[in-house]
Amino acid sequence: MTATPSATGTHRRPDLADQTVVVIGASAGIGLETARQVRAGGGRVVLVGRNPERLQEAARELDPVSTAAFDATDTDRLQQFFQDLPGPVDHVMVTAGSPSYIPLAGMDLAAARREFDERFATTLGVALYSRDKVRAGGTLLFMGGTGGRRPGVGMAVASTLTAALPALIANLALELAPIRVNLIAAGFVDTPLSASLLGDQLDARREELRAALPIRRVVEPADVAALAVHIMCNDALTGATYDIDGGQQLVAH
């Protein structure tokens, strides 16, 4: 299911003042930009990331409540993290992870299995371990993608995850209510992760998208972060997938 965030809502909170947001994947890209916008909106942040050095840099900028350096796919460590939170939080956003492109001809079945296991285990782990820590009406917010909706060579794993995550999110929204659960599905976003995946092809991809996309520019982390904050603030939104790809699905790419 896809939806457009409502601009109105009788109970929508105008900002994140005095709210606490856990950002898992906060040391770069979309997670870091979301943490910045939460702080700009008056909220507090708990920062989680795999890279201790980058996490420390983010902490110096954002003055978080706390930080934790670990890999979110380590579900034992994830459970311990939520158990150790000193008090309730209002929102949890998970941006950790990266897309997986594995052509069948060169597929390592064990590696493909790990991709499925880690993605679903992380999503379910956050839902399971945070449910007693998130305030009623708060949000669990996960990241997915739109690119996997179009089949192609190397897309078997990514496409399957793309199709499965909205169904998982909708079910979690019912099971965790009144906590809200939503998914952001992004296309190409100009992040350090995109740079690492594309290497010396990055500039060419940017130019291609600027010419092809209806918005005539590439999507930036700040665009996705603004959508994330909106979903956190609007308490009428749950169980849905919100696309943000600049119209990438609508054009050949």
Protein backbone atom coordinates (compact mmCIF):
# COMPACT_ATOMS: atom_id res chain seq x y z
CA MET A 1 0.00 0.00 0.00
CA THR A 2 1.25 3.47 -0.84
CA ALA A 3 -0.09 6.70 0.53
CA THR A 4 0.45 10.41 0.65
CA PRO A 5 0.98 11.87 4.14
CA SER A 6 -2.01 13.93 5.21
CA ALA A 7 -1.34 17.61 5.73
CA THR A 8 -4.09 17.80 8.31
CA GLY A 9 -5.08 15.86 11.37
CA THR A 10 -7.04 16.86 14.41
CA HIS A 11 -4.38 15.49 16.75
CA ARG A 12 -1.25 16.28 14.74
CA ARG A 13 1.56 17.68 16.83
CA PRO A 14 3.26 20.66 15.22
CA ASP A 15 6.81 19.72 16.21
CA LEU A 16 8.95 17.31 18.23
CA ALA A 17 9.48 19.53 21.26
CA ASP A 18 10.41 17.48 24.33
CA GLN A 19 10.16 14.20 22.43
CA THR A 20 12.93 11.59 22.24
CA VAL A 21 13.80 9.89 18.96
CA VAL A 22 16.07 6.86 18.64
CA VAL A 23 17.84 6.87 15.26
CA ILE A 24 19.47 3.58 14.31
CA GLY A 25 21.89 4.31 11.49
CA ALA A 26 22.48 7.85 12.71
CA SER A 27 26.11 8.41 11.81
CA ALA A 28 25.62 9.31 8.13
CA GLY A 29 23.14 9.94 5.34
CA ILE A 30 19.41 9.83 5.98
CA GLY A 31 19.76 8.87 9.64
CA LEU A 32 22.12 11.72 10.44
CA GLU A 33 19.96 14.25 8.59
CA THR A 34 16.84 13.01 10.38
CA ALA A 35 18.60 13.44 13.73
CA ARG A 36 19.50 17.00 12.71
CA GLN A 37 15.90 17.82 11.85
CA VAL A 38 14.64 16.27 15.08
CA ARG A 39 17.01 18.50 17.04
CA ALA A 40 15.94 21.53 14.98
CA GLY A 41 12.33 20.69 15.87
CA GLY A 42 13.08 20.72 19.59
CA GLY A 43 13.46 16.98 20.06
CA ARG A 44 16.10 14.88 21.76
CA VAL A 45 18.01 12.09 20.01
CA VAL A 46 19.59 8.79 20.90
CA LEU A 47 22.14 7.94 18.22
CA VAL A 48 23.01 4.40 17.15
CA GLY A 49 25.56 3.46 14.49
CA ARG A 50 28.10 0.81 13.60
CA ASN A 51 31.08 3.13 13.15
CA PRO A 52 32.27 4.55 16.51
CA GLU A 53 34.30 7.36 14.93
CA ARG A 54 31.48 8.65 12.74
CA LEU A 55 29.07 8.28 15.64
CA GLN A 56 31.31 10.46 17.81
CA GLU A 57 31.38 13.11 15.09
CA ALA A 58 27.58 13.10 14.95
CA ALA A 59 27.40 13.31 18.73
CA ARG A 60 29.65 16.36 18.82
CA GLU A 61 27.28 18.10 16.44
CA LEU A 62 23.94 17.00 17.92
CA ASP A 63 24.44 16.71 21.69
CA PRO A 64 22.44 13.47 22.00
CA VAL A 65 20.92 11.97 25.13
CA SER A 66 23.23 9.01 24.53
CA THR A 67 24.98 7.02 21.81
CA ALA A 68 25.50 3.33 21.18
CA ALA A 69 27.94 1.83 18.68
CA PHE A 70 26.89 -1.61 17.45
CA ASP A 71 25.61 -3.44 14.38
CA ALA A 72 21.80 -3.50 14.40
CA THR A 73 21.81 -6.92 12.74
CA ASP A 74 23.22 -8.30 16.02
CA THR A 75 19.82 -9.01 17.55
CA ASP A 76 21.24 -9.88 20.98
CA ARG A 77 22.94 -6.49 21.14
CA LEU A 78 19.77 -4.85 19.80
CA GLN A 79 17.73 -6.40 22.59
CA GLN A 80 20.25 -5.25 25.19
CA PHE A 81 20.19 -1.73 23.79
CA PHE A 82 16.44 -1.36 24.25
CA GLN A 83 16.56 -2.99 27.67
CA ASP A 84 19.19 -0.48 28.76
CA LEU A 85 17.28 2.61 27.64
CA PRO A 86 16.72 4.57 30.85
CA GLY A 87 13.20 5.69 30.04
CA PRO A 88 10.46 5.71 27.44
CA VAL A 89 11.02 7.19 23.97
CA ASP A 90 8.60 8.64 21.45
CA HIS A 91 9.92 7.38 18.13
CA VAL A 92 12.39 4.88 16.68
CA MET A 93 13.72 5.26 13.15
CA VAL A 94 15.83 2.57 11.47
CA THR A 95 17.93 3.55 8.46
CA ALA A 96 20.67 0.96 8.93
CA GLY A 97 21.38 -1.42 6.06
CA SER A 98 21.91 -1.23 2.33
CA PRO A 99 20.30 -2.69 -0.80
CA SER A 100 21.51 -6.05 -2.03
CA TYR A 101 22.02 -6.73 -5.74
CA ILE A 102 22.93 -10.38 -6.33
CA PRO A 103 22.64 -11.85 -9.86
CA LEU A 104 21.50 -15.45 -9.76
CA ALA A 105 24.42 -16.59 -11.91
CA GLY A 106 26.88 -15.52 -9.23
CA MET A 107 24.70 -16.00 -6.17
CA ASP A 108 26.09 -17.39 -2.95
CA LEU A 109 23.00 -18.95 -1.41
CA ALA A 110 24.29 -18.54 2.13
CA ALA A 111 24.89 -14.83 1.52
CA ALA A 112 21.42 -14.41 0.02
CA ARG A 113 19.90 -16.15 3.02
CA ARG A 114 21.78 -13.82 5.34
CA GLU A 115 20.31 -10.81 3.50
CA PHE A 116 16.77 -12.06 4.15
CA ASP A 117 17.51 -13.17 7.71
CA GLU A 118 19.21 -9.93 8.71
CA ARG A 119 16.61 -7.61 7.20
CA PHE A 120 13.60 -9.39 8.65
CA ALA A 121 15.29 -10.14 11.97
CA THR A 122 16.32 -6.51 12.41
CA THR A 123 12.83 -5.22 11.60
CA LEU A 124 11.11 -7.75 13.83
CA GLY A 125 13.75 -7.30 16.53
CA VAL A 126 13.17 -3.55 16.72
CA ALA A 127 9.42 -4.15 16.89
CA LEU A 128 9.75 -6.84 19.55
CA TYR A 129 12.35 -5.25 21.79
CA SER A 130 11.12 -1.64 21.63
CA ARG A 131 7.43 -2.26 22.23
CA ASP A 132 7.65 -1.63 25.96
CA LYS A 133 9.82 1.46 25.49
CA VAL A 134 7.85 3.48 22.92
CA ARG A 135 5.04 5.67 24.19
CA ALA A 136 1.49 5.14 22.92
CA GLY A 137 1.01 7.08 19.71
CA GLY A 138 4.74 7.05 19.01
CA THR A 139 6.30 5.68 15.87
CA LEU A 140 8.45 2.87 14.59
CA LEU A 141 9.72 4.02 11.21
CA PHE A 142 11.64 1.80 8.80
CA MET A 143 13.33 2.35 5.43
CA GLY A 144 12.60 0.45 2.24
CA GLY A 145 12.94 1.24 -1.43
CA THR A 146 11.04 1.73 -4.66
CA GLY A 147 13.68 0.51 -7.10
CA GLY A 148 12.99 -3.14 -6.36
CA ARG A 149 9.45 -2.86 -7.70
CA ARG A 150 10.86 -3.13 -11.20
CA PRO A 151 12.32 -6.60 -11.90
CA GLY A 152 15.78 -6.95 -13.38
CA VAL A 153 18.93 -8.99 -13.38
CA GLY A 154 20.40 -9.02 -9.88
CA MET A 155 17.16 -7.79 -8.31
CA ALA A 156 15.74 -11.08 -6.96
CA VAL A 157 16.66 -10.42 -3.33
CA ALA A 158 15.98 -6.68 -3.41
CA SER A 159 12.63 -7.10 -5.17
CA THR A 160 11.45 -9.75 -2.74
CA LEU A 161 12.32 -7.59 0.24
CA THR A 162 10.66 -4.59 -1.42
CA ALA A 163 7.43 -6.56 -1.83
CA ALA A 164 7.48 -8.13 1.62
CA LEU A 165 8.28 -5.15 3.83
CA PRO A 166 4.99 -3.23 3.34
CA ALA A 167 3.04 -6.33 4.36
CA LEU A 168 5.21 -6.77 7.43
CA ILE A 169 4.80 -3.10 8.39
CA ALA A 170 1.00 -3.25 8.03
CA ASN A 171 0.81 -6.30 10.29
CA LEU A 172 3.12 -4.76 12.88
CA ALA A 173 0.92 -1.65 12.95
CA LEU A 174 -1.99 -3.81 14.09
CA GLU A 175 0.00 -5.87 16.57
CA LEU A 176 1.75 -2.91 18.18
CA ALA A 177 -1.15 -0.44 18.25
CA PRO A 178 -1.41 2.23 19.60
CA ILE A 179 2.27 2.49 18.64
CA ARG A 180 2.33 3.48 14.98
CA VAL A 181 4.45 1.62 12.42
CA ASN A 182 5.31 3.01 8.98
CA LEU A 183 7.72 2.50 6.09
CA ILE A 184 9.49 5.06 3.91
CA ALA A 185 10.29 3.74 0.43
CA ALA A 186 13.01 5.80 -1.21
CA GLY A 187 14.52 5.74 -4.67
CA PHE A 188 18.00 7.04 -5.33
CA VAL A 189 19.06 9.35 -2.49
CA ASP A 190 22.35 11.26 -2.76
CA THR A 191 24.04 9.80 0.31
CA PRO A 192 27.50 8.46 1.18
CA LEU A 193 26.02 4.97 0.74
CA SER A 194 25.04 5.81 -2.84
CA ALA A 195 28.53 7.14 -3.42
CA SER A 196 30.10 3.94 -2.12
CA LEU A 197 27.83 1.76 -4.30
CA LEU A 198 28.29 3.76 -7.52
CA GLY A 199 31.91 4.84 -7.18
CA ASP A 200 33.10 6.76 -10.25
CA GLN A 201 29.64 6.39 -11.82
CA LEU A 202 28.03 8.65 -9.21
CA ASP A 203 28.21 11.93 -11.14
CA ALA A 204 26.81 10.31 -14.28
CA ARG A 205 23.90 8.86 -12.28
CA ARG A 206 23.15 12.26 -10.77
CA GLU A 207 23.07 13.90 -14.18
CA GLU A 208 20.90 11.11 -15.61
CA LEU A 209 18.35 11.54 -12.82
CA ARG A 210 18.34 15.34 -13.00
CA ALA A 211 17.38 15.05 -16.64
CA ALA A 212 14.86 12.22 -16.24
CA LEU A 213 13.05 12.81 -12.97
CA PRO A 214 9.88 14.93 -12.99
CA ILE A 215 11.31 17.02 -10.13
CA ARG A 216 14.47 17.75 -12.20
CA ARG A 217 16.81 17.15 -9.29
CA VAL A 218 18.03 14.25 -7.20
CA VAL A 219 16.46 13.41 -3.87
CA GLU A 220 18.62 14.49 -0.92
CA PRO A 221 18.79 13.11 2.64
CA ALA A 222 17.03 16.26 3.88
CA ASP A 223 14.00 15.40 1.72
CA VAL A 224 13.66 11.97 3.31
CA ALA A 225 14.31 13.34 6.78
CA ALA A 226 11.52 15.91 6.35
CA LEU A 227 9.11 13.10 5.45
CA ALA A 228 10.27 11.09 8.46
CA VAL A 229 9.64 13.98 10.83
CA HIS A 230 6.20 14.54 9.30
CA ILE A 231 5.27 10.90 9.88
CA MET A 232 6.46 11.14 13.47
CA CYS A 233 4.42 14.27 14.09
CA ASN A 234 1.18 13.24 12.39
CA ASP A 235 -0.45 10.70 14.69
CA ALA A 236 -3.09 9.70 12.11
CA LEU A 237 -0.48 7.79 10.08
CA THR A 238 0.14 4.09 10.62
CA GLY A 239 0.55 0.87 8.69
CA ALA A 240 1.46 2.53 5.40
CA THR A 241 4.34 2.87 2.95
CA TYR A 242 5.31 6.39 1.86
CA ASP A 243 7.19 6.74 -1.42
CA ILE A 244 9.83 9.41 -1.93
CA ASP A 245 11.76 9.00 -5.16
CA GLY A 246 11.16 12.17 -7.13
CA GLY A 247 9.02 10.24 -9.60
CA GLN A 248 11.76 7.70 -10.35
CA GLN A 249 9.19 4.90 -10.66
CA LEU A 250 7.41 6.81 -13.40
CA VAL A 251 10.29 6.99 -15.86
CA ALA A 252 12.67 4.52 -17.44
CA HIS A 253 15.93 4.33 -15.51
